[in-house]
Amino acid sequence: MSPPQRGTQASANGGKKQILRRALEKGIPRAFAHVAAIVYRLSGDGRDFRPILARFSAHVAVLTVALLGAALSSVDWPAQAASTMSASAALPAVEGDEQPPPEKASSSDVAMLGDDGMLTLVESFAQISRRPNPHTVFPDRPRLTVITYTVVAGDTIQSIASQFGLEPTTLMWANPAIEDAPDLLRIGQEIVILPIDGVYHRVEEGDTLASIAEAYDVAADAIVNCRYNNVSRSGRGIEEQAYLIVPGGVKPYEPKKVTSYAGPVPQGARGTGRFQWPVLGTITQNYWYGHRAIDVGAPTGSAVMASDGGFVSFAGWTDVGYGYLIVVDHANGFATYYAHLSNIYVAEGQTIDRGQVIGAVGSTGNSTGPHLHFEVRRFNTQQNPRAYLP
């Protein structure tokens, strides 16, 4: 190339550089100004762009999850590789033999070691094997003998009976001390536990197989066929002071009796037939066979009110577990009992009104804490008080 041509080309290149410089000098400020205007607009009224930004971010999140799933599916995890290992790959290679490329096992095939020591593929219905359970579960087995149980803190007749799969009455009828006061247990007290439900009868003088069966309303064969008894149909084995289990036997219930007022009924002393709660508190024991009343826990000294009007037929101390007791006769077939009192404010023969304060809550007699033992009797038959209270 001649010198004039080189000069012409140099001048042309210099012109291009100058044009590019002028474009950048004008374009960059305009670009910054445009960006600044956008930022100002977004900051000034960004609420108009929130829907657009929300839709944009949602699409980006969906796209990210899809890309992440595709990337993870292509990873050859160790557990997957182990489950798809073929039998030929697991066997050692024999010199001189041509080994075909390993075939990938299907998802329902599992490698197992046979009796001949060869590893083979077998069809499986599950890829995950059950983990071994080191705990042994023992089924409930019937007790073969009569045992004893020591009472611990928190025990009740119901809880002990449930622990051994028995009815609470079975514990009562096997333990005279509990039968007399089923809600009075002592820590360390030993009680007899029968293997089955029924009555534990102590043979007394004059007892026969027939008389025992009749006393508990069962057939004589039930006693003879009970495997826990050594009794024959001829009566052999019924020895005085011996104990027999009477399966399914029921012991007649005898309510506690107290000496009642024998004087005339005061004029106008008659109940309304509508009962109210005798004390404010919390029910600590409900009505059941061995406790035909309700216990209402309340602080010592809390006011005890007459559940209905009538007259006092008994007020004083008892020797049958009630402690200090008040009996209100409502002169309509009903009577109410208020037991374990700490104080008595009425006297026998006194007429009282519904809601009148007659005594105070206590813990006398067979009691483990301050509460009111409340009974409702109709013609001297104990009823469930909850059926009469509002």
Protein backbone atom coordinates (compact mmCIF):
# COMPACT_ATOMS: atom_id res chain seq x y z
CA MET A 1 0.00 0.00 0.00
CA SER A 2 1.31 3.45 -0.91
CA PRO A 3 1.87 6.14 1.71
CA PRO A 4 -1.11 8.28 0.59
CA GLN A 5 -3.49 5.31 1.03
CA ARG A 6 -2.17 4.67 4.55
CA GLY A 7 -2.92 8.29 5.50
CA THR A 8 -6.41 8.15 4.11
CA GLN A 9 -7.19 4.93 6.09
CA ALA A 10 -5.77 6.43 9.30
CA SER A 11 -7.91 9.53 8.93
CA ALA A 12 -10.99 7.35 8.35
CA ASN A 13 -10.29 5.31 11.49
CA GLY A 14 -9.83 8.49 13.47
CA GLY A 15 -13.18 9.77 12.27
CA LYS A 16 -14.95 6.59 13.37
CA LYS A 17 -13.43 6.85 16.81
CA GLN A 18 -14.61 10.42 17.12
CA ILE A 19 -18.16 9.46 16.07
CA LEU A 20 -18.20 6.56 18.59
CA ARG A 21 -16.92 8.84 21.34
CA ARG A 22 -19.62 11.43 20.62
CA ALA A 23 -22.30 8.65 20.66
CA LEU A 24 -21.12 7.34 24.00
CA GLU A 25 -20.92 10.81 25.45
CA LYS A 26 -24.55 11.46 24.45
CA GLY A 27 -25.92 7.92 25.00
CA ILE A 28 -24.61 7.15 28.49
CA PRO A 29 -26.18 10.23 30.14
CA ARG A 30 -29.45 9.52 28.35
CA ALA A 31 -29.37 5.89 29.60
CA PHE A 32 -28.71 7.00 33.17
CA ALA A 33 -31.49 9.55 32.90
CA HIS A 34 -33.88 6.89 31.60
CA VAL A 35 -32.98 4.50 34.47
CA ALA A 36 -33.36 7.30 37.00
CA ALA A 37 -36.79 8.13 35.61
CA ILE A 38 -37.88 4.48 35.93
CA VAL A 39 -36.59 4.26 39.51
CA TYR A 40 -38.33 7.49 40.41
CA ARG A 41 -41.57 6.25 38.89
CA LEU A 42 -41.36 2.92 40.76
CA SER A 43 -40.59 4.59 44.08
CA GLY A 44 -43.26 7.21 43.58
CA ASP A 45 -46.13 4.91 42.65
CA GLY A 46 -44.92 1.36 43.20
CA ARG A 47 -48.43 0.08 43.87
CA ASP A 48 -49.16 -0.02 40.14
CA PHE A 49 -46.30 -2.45 39.59
CA ARG A 50 -47.08 -4.82 42.48
CA PRO A 51 -49.37 -7.13 40.44
CA ILE A 52 -46.76 -7.35 37.68
CA LEU A 53 -43.97 -8.09 40.14
CA ALA A 54 -46.10 -10.72 41.93
CA ARG A 55 -46.86 -12.57 38.71
CA PHE A 56 -43.26 -12.35 37.64
CA SER A 57 -41.96 -13.76 40.95
CA ALA A 58 -44.52 -16.61 40.83
CA HIS A 59 -43.40 -17.64 37.35
CA VAL A 60 -39.77 -17.51 38.43
CA ALA A 61 -40.52 -19.74 41.46
CA VAL A 62 -42.32 -22.35 39.34
CA LEU A 63 -39.50 -22.37 36.81
CA THR A 64 -36.92 -22.77 39.60
CA VAL A 65 -38.73 -25.76 41.12
CA ALA A 66 -39.04 -27.43 37.72
CA LEU A 67 -35.33 -26.96 36.99
CA LEU A 68 -34.39 -28.26 40.46
CA GLY A 69 -36.55 -31.39 40.03
CA ALA A 70 -35.02 -32.11 36.63
CA ALA A 71 -31.53 -31.71 38.05
CA LEU A 72 -32.18 -34.04 41.03
CA SER A 73 -33.77 -36.73 38.85
CA SER A 74 -30.55 -37.06 36.89
CA VAL A 75 -28.46 -37.72 40.01
CA ASP A 76 -27.49 -41.37 40.58
CA TRP A 77 -28.18 -41.76 44.29
CA PRO A 78 -26.35 -44.54 46.26
CA ALA A 79 -29.59 -46.17 47.47
CA GLN A 80 -30.99 -46.27 43.94
CA ALA A 81 -27.79 -47.72 42.60
CA ALA A 82 -27.79 -50.43 45.26
CA SER A 83 -31.41 -51.42 44.61
CA THR A 84 -30.82 -51.69 40.87
CA MET A 85 -27.60 -53.71 41.08
CA SER A 86 -27.80 -56.83 38.96
CA ALA A 87 -26.83 -60.29 40.12
CA SER A 88 -24.07 -60.59 37.53
CA ALA A 89 -22.42 -57.43 38.83
CA ALA A 90 -22.52 -58.76 42.38
CA LEU A 91 -20.92 -62.12 41.52
CA PRO A 92 -17.10 -62.33 41.32
CA ALA A 93 -15.65 -62.59 37.82
CA VAL A 94 -14.14 -65.93 36.75
CA GLU A 95 -10.91 -65.74 34.82
CA GLY A 96 -11.38 -66.62 31.17
CA ASP A 97 -15.10 -66.06 31.11
CA GLU A 98 -16.55 -63.24 29.16
CA GLN A 99 -18.78 -61.12 31.33
CA PRO A 100 -21.69 -59.48 29.57
CA PRO A 101 -22.45 -55.90 30.49
CA PRO A 102 -24.53 -55.72 33.68
CA GLU A 103 -28.24 -55.44 33.14
CA LYS A 104 -30.19 -53.05 35.25
CA ALA A 105 -32.65 -54.87 37.49
CA SER A 106 -36.28 -53.88 37.43
CA SER A 107 -37.82 -51.99 40.34
CA SER A 108 -39.56 -55.19 41.49
CA ASP A 109 -36.41 -57.38 41.56
CA VAL A 110 -34.24 -57.88 44.64
CA ALA A 111 -30.95 -59.77 44.93
CA MET A 112 -31.12 -62.68 47.42
CA LEU A 113 -28.58 -65.29 48.53
CA GLY A 114 -29.89 -68.82 47.99
CA ASP A 115 -29.13 -72.04 49.85
CA ASP A 116 -26.44 -72.93 47.30
CA GLY A 117 -24.59 -69.71 47.99
CA MET A 118 -25.54 -68.20 44.61
CA LEU A 119 -26.94 -64.69 44.41
CA THR A 120 -30.12 -64.64 42.36
CA LEU A 121 -32.79 -62.14 41.49
CA VAL A 122 -36.24 -62.69 42.89
CA GLU A 123 -39.43 -60.71 42.41
CA SER A 124 -40.37 -58.51 45.29
CA PHE A 125 -43.51 -56.56 46.10
CA ALA A 126 -41.73 -53.87 48.09
CA GLN A 127 -38.45 -52.08 47.74
CA ILE A 128 -38.22 -51.18 51.43
CA SER A 129 -37.68 -54.04 53.86
CA ARG A 130 -39.20 -53.95 57.33
CA ARG A 131 -36.83 -52.98 60.09
CA PRO A 132 -36.39 -55.53 62.89
CA ASN A 133 -38.33 -54.81 66.09
CA PRO A 134 -36.29 -55.71 69.18
CA HIS A 135 -39.36 -55.64 71.47
CA THR A 136 -41.32 -58.80 72.15
CA VAL A 137 -45.08 -58.43 72.60
CA PHE A 138 -46.53 -60.87 75.11
CA PRO A 139 -50.26 -61.55 74.81
CA ASP A 140 -52.44 -61.24 77.89
CA ARG A 141 -52.42 -64.53 79.72
CA PRO A 142 -54.97 -65.60 82.34
CA ARG A 143 -53.76 -65.67 85.92
CA LEU A 144 -53.78 -69.18 87.32
CA THR A 145 -53.87 -68.37 91.01
CA VAL A 146 -55.16 -65.83 93.50
CA ILE A 147 -52.57 -63.10 94.04
CA THR A 148 -52.14 -60.09 96.30
CA TYR A 149 -51.54 -56.47 95.30
CA THR A 150 -50.00 -53.69 97.37
CA VAL A 151 -51.76 -50.33 97.15
CA VAL A 152 -49.61 -47.41 95.97
CA ALA A 153 -50.26 -43.68 95.88
CA GLY A 154 -53.01 -42.69 93.45
CA ASP A 155 -54.73 -46.10 93.42
CA THR A 156 -58.51 -46.40 93.47
CA ILE A 157 -60.74 -49.44 93.39
CA GLN A 158 -61.64 -48.65 89.78
CA SER A 159 -58.02 -48.19 88.65
CA ILE A 160 -56.81 -51.41 90.29
CA ALA A 161 -59.71 -53.38 88.84
CA SER A 162 -59.01 -52.00 85.36
CA GLN A 163 -55.32 -52.90 85.71
CA PHE A 164 -56.21 -56.56 86.23
CA GLY A 165 -59.18 -56.67 83.85
CA LEU A 166 -61.73 -57.15 86.62
CA GLU A 167 -64.90 -55.45 87.83
CA PRO A 168 -64.56 -53.21 90.93
CA THR A 169 -67.16 -55.34 92.70
CA THR A 170 -64.86 -58.39 92.39
CA LEU A 171 -62.22 -56.57 94.47
CA MET A 172 -64.86 -55.55 97.01
CA TRP A 173 -66.26 -59.06 97.39
CA ALA A 174 -62.78 -60.53 97.84
CA ASN A 175 -61.71 -58.01 100.48
CA PRO A 176 -64.11 -57.34 103.39
CA ALA A 177 -62.25 -54.18 104.43
CA ILE A 178 -62.73 -52.65 100.99
CA GLU A 179 -66.35 -53.80 100.82
CA ASP A 180 -67.12 -51.85 103.97
CA ALA A 181 -65.33 -48.69 102.72
CA PRO A 182 -64.51 -48.93 99.00
CA ASP A 183 -63.31 -45.33 98.80
CA LEU A 184 -60.87 -45.72 101.70
CA LEU A 185 -57.58 -47.27 100.57
CA ARG A 186 -54.28 -47.01 102.44
CA ILE A 187 -50.84 -46.97 100.84
CA GLY A 188 -49.17 -50.30 101.55
CA GLN A 189 -52.48 -52.09 102.07
CA GLU A 190 -52.54 -55.59 100.55
CA ILE A 191 -55.66 -56.68 98.71
CA VAL A 192 -56.64 -60.01 97.19
CA ILE A 193 -56.90 -60.19 93.39
CA LEU A 194 -58.97 -63.01 91.88
CA PRO A 195 -58.11 -64.46 88.46
CA ILE A 196 -61.70 -64.01 87.23
CA ASP A 197 -64.77 -61.96 88.10
CA GLY A 198 -66.96 -63.29 90.88
CA VAL A 199 -67.13 -63.69 94.66
CA TYR A 200 -64.42 -65.03 96.96
CA HIS A 201 -66.41 -67.00 99.53
CA ARG A 202 -65.07 -68.18 102.86
CA VAL A 203 -66.75 -71.44 103.82
CA GLU A 204 -68.54 -71.21 107.15
CA GLU A 205 -70.03 -73.92 109.32
CA GLY A 206 -73.13 -75.39 107.70
CA ASP A 207 -72.33 -74.23 104.16
CA THR A 208 -73.10 -76.63 101.32
CA LEU A 209 -72.54 -76.46 97.60
CA ALA A 210 -76.22 -75.74 97.05
CA SER A 211 -76.43 -73.03 99.74
CA ILE A 212 -73.35 -71.21 98.43
CA ALA A 213 -74.66 -71.29 94.85
CA GLU A 214 -78.06 -70.00 95.97
CA ALA A 215 -76.51 -67.19 98.05
CA TYR A 216 -74.76 -65.74 94.99
CA ASP A 217 -77.42 -66.58 92.40
CA VAL A 218 -75.37 -69.06 90.33
CA ALA A 219 -75.66 -72.72 89.39
CA ALA A 220 -73.79 -75.24 91.52
CA ASP A 221 -72.01 -76.50 88.40
CA ALA A 222 -70.35 -73.08 88.01
CA ILE A 223 -68.51 -73.63 91.29
CA VAL A 224 -67.68 -77.26 90.53
CA ASN A 225 -66.43 -76.58 87.00
CA CYS A 226 -64.27 -73.64 88.05
CA ARG A 227 -60.68 -74.82 87.57
CA TYR A 228 -59.52 -72.74 90.51
CA ASN A 229 -61.63 -74.79 92.96
CA ASN A 230 -61.03 -78.35 94.10
CA VAL A 231 -64.67 -79.20 94.62
CA SER A 232 -66.71 -82.21 93.49
CA ARG A 233 -70.45 -82.49 92.97
CA SER A 234 -70.66 -84.62 96.10
CA GLY A 235 -69.44 -81.67 98.15
CA ARG A 236 -65.91 -82.87 98.68
CA GLY A 237 -63.57 -79.92 99.11
CA ILE A 238 -66.05 -77.72 100.94
CA GLU A 239 -64.20 -77.46 104.20
CA GLU A 240 -64.72 -74.90 106.91
CA GLN A 241 -62.50 -71.78 106.61
CA ALA A 242 -61.55 -72.74 103.04
CA TYR A 243 -62.04 -70.21 100.21
CA LEU A 244 -63.97 -70.82 97.01
CA ILE A 245 -64.24 -68.69 93.89
CA VAL A 246 -67.84 -68.32 92.74
CA PRO A 247 -67.58 -67.35 89.03
CA GLY A 248 -70.13 -64.72 88.03
CA GLY A 249 -71.53 -64.59 91.55
CA VAL A 250 -73.27 -61.46 92.81
CA LYS A 251 -73.28 -60.50 96.46
CA PRO A 252 -76.47 -58.82 97.69
CA TYR A 253 -76.00 -55.15 98.52
CA GLU A 254 -76.89 -54.05 102.03
CA PRO A 255 -77.15 -50.29 102.60
CA LYS A 256 -75.79 -48.87 105.81
CA LYS A 257 -78.40 -48.21 108.45
CA VAL A 258 -78.49 -45.57 111.16
CA THR A 259 -80.88 -45.03 114.03
CA SER A 260 -83.53 -42.63 112.80
CA TYR A 261 -85.85 -40.23 114.54
CA ALA A 262 -88.88 -42.00 116.02
CA GLY A 263 -90.95 -38.99 117.07
CA PRO A 264 -93.90 -37.43 115.27
CA VAL A 265 -93.48 -35.67 111.94
CA PRO A 266 -93.46 -31.90 112.50
CA GLN A 267 -96.37 -30.00 111.06
CA GLY A 268 -95.71 -28.75 107.51
CA ALA A 269 -92.35 -30.52 107.22
CA ARG A 270 -92.69 -31.79 103.68
CA GLY A 271 -90.37 -31.54 100.69
CA THR A 272 -91.18 -30.05 97.31
CA GLY A 273 -89.76 -32.97 95.30
CA ARG A 274 -87.24 -30.60 93.67
CA PHE A 275 -83.64 -31.04 94.83
CA GLN A 276 -80.79 -28.53 94.74
CA TRP A 277 -77.03 -29.03 95.06
CA PRO A 278 -76.18 -29.28 98.77
CA VAL A 279 -72.67 -27.76 98.49
CA LEU A 280 -70.49 -25.85 96.04
CA GLY A 281 -67.52 -27.93 94.93
CA THR A 282 -66.20 -30.53 92.52
CA ILE A 283 -67.42 -34.11 92.17
CA THR A 284 -64.60 -36.41 93.27
CA GLN A 285 -66.46 -39.72 93.03
CA ASN A 286 -69.59 -40.63 91.10
CA TYR A 287 -72.32 -43.15 91.78
CA TRP A 288 -71.48 -46.83 91.19
CA TYR A 289 -72.31 -50.18 92.75
CA GLY A 290 -69.85 -49.88 95.61
CA HIS A 291 -70.49 -46.17 96.18
CA ARG A 292 -74.20 -45.41 95.89
CA ALA A 293 -73.79 -41.69 96.36
CA ILE A 294 -71.73 -38.82 95.02
CA ASP A 295 -68.78 -37.17 96.73
CA VAL A 296 -68.38 -33.41 96.32
CA GLY A 297 -64.97 -32.08 97.27
CA ALA A 298 -64.92 -28.73 99.10
CA PRO A 299 -62.80 -27.03 101.78
CA THR A 300 -63.39 -27.95 105.42
CA GLY A 301 -66.06 -25.73 106.90
CA SER A 302 -67.89 -25.05 103.63
CA ALA A 303 -71.63 -24.60 104.13
CA VAL A 304 -73.81 -27.68 103.58
CA MET A 305 -77.40 -26.85 102.62
CA ALA A 306 -80.55 -28.97 102.73
CA SER A 307 -81.28 -30.22 99.22
CA ASP A 308 -85.03 -29.97 99.90
CA GLY A 309 -87.35 -29.12 102.74
CA GLY A 310 -88.38 -31.58 105.46
CA PHE A 311 -87.29 -32.46 108.99
CA VAL A 312 -84.10 -33.84 110.56
CA SER A 313 -84.49 -37.53 111.32
CA PHE A 314 -80.86 -38.04 112.43
CA ALA A 315 -78.01 -35.75 113.43
CA GLY A 316 -74.89 -37.04 115.11
CA TRP A 317 -71.99 -39.50 115.03
CA THR A 318 -72.22 -42.93 113.34
CA ASP A 319 -70.10 -46.07 113.64
CA VAL A 320 -70.68 -47.29 110.07
CA GLY A 321 -68.18 -45.03 108.29
CA TYR A 322 -70.29 -41.90 107.79
CA GLY A 323 -68.66 -39.99 110.63
CA TYR A 324 -70.86 -37.02 111.55
CA LEU A 325 -74.10 -37.41 109.61
CA ILE A 326 -77.34 -35.55 109.01
CA VAL A 327 -80.39 -37.32 107.56
CA VAL A 328 -83.24 -35.18 106.26
CA ASP A 329 -86.60 -36.89 105.83
CA HIS A 330 -88.66 -35.08 103.20
CA ALA A 331 -91.93 -36.80 104.24
CA ASN A 332 -92.71 -37.82 100.65
CA GLY A 333 -90.78 -41.08 100.40
CA PHE A 334 -87.41 -39.35 99.90
CA ALA A 335 -84.57 -38.86 102.37
CA THR A 336 -81.15 -37.28 101.86
CA TYR A 337 -77.89 -38.13 103.68
CA TYR A 338 -75.08 -35.63 104.37
CA ALA A 339 -71.98 -37.43 105.67
CA HIS A 340 -68.37 -36.78 106.87
CA LEU A 341 -69.38 -33.43 108.34
CA SER A 342 -67.14 -31.34 110.56
CA ASN A 343 -70.02 -29.55 112.25
CA ILE A 344 -73.79 -29.91 112.68
CA TYR A 345 -76.12 -26.91 113.00
CA VAL A 346 -79.50 -28.67 113.41
CA ALA A 347 -81.13 -31.12 115.84
CA GLU A 348 -83.32 -34.18 115.43
CA GLY A 349 -86.98 -33.36 114.86
CA GLN A 350 -86.24 -29.85 113.60
CA THR A 351 -88.14 -28.57 110.56
CA ILE A 352 -85.90 -27.17 107.84
CA ASP A 353 -86.41 -25.39 104.55
CA ARG A 354 -84.93 -26.03 101.13
CA GLY A 355 -81.48 -24.39 100.91
CA GLN A 356 -81.12 -23.92 104.68
CA VAL A 357 -77.56 -24.37 106.03
CA ILE A 358 -77.54 -27.50 108.17
CA GLY A 359 -73.84 -28.37 108.59
CA ALA A 360 -70.24 -27.93 107.42
CA VAL A 361 -67.99 -29.99 105.15
CA GLY A 362 -65.45 -32.17 106.93
CA SER A 363 -63.48 -35.42 106.74
CA THR A 364 -64.84 -37.54 109.58
CA GLY A 365 -65.44 -41.29 109.47
CA ASN A 366 -64.10 -43.28 106.52
CA SER A 367 -62.76 -40.35 104.56
CA THR A 368 -59.45 -39.49 102.93
CA GLY A 369 -60.06 -35.74 102.61
CA PRO A 370 -62.65 -32.99 103.08
CA HIS A 371 -65.76 -33.66 101.02
CA LEU A 372 -69.51 -34.16 101.31
CA HIS A 373 -70.89 -37.67 100.84
CA PHE A 374 -74.41 -37.07 99.51
CA GLU A 375 -77.08 -39.77 99.16
CA VAL A 376 -80.65 -39.73 97.89
CA ARG A 377 -82.87 -42.57 99.11
CA ARG A 378 -86.40 -43.33 97.99
CA PHE A 379 -88.25 -45.64 100.37
CA ASN A 380 -84.80 -46.49 101.80
CA THR A 381 -83.42 -47.57 98.41
CA GLN A 382 -80.34 -45.64 97.33
CA GLN A 383 -80.75 -43.71 94.08
CA ASN A 384 -78.27 -41.94 91.81
CA PRO A 385 -78.35 -38.32 93.03
CA ARG A 386 -77.42 -37.03 89.59
CA ALA A 387 -80.86 -38.15 88.38
CA TYR A 388 -82.51 -35.66 90.76
CA LEU A 389 -80.12 -32.71 90.78
CA PRO A 390 -80.40 -29.88 88.23
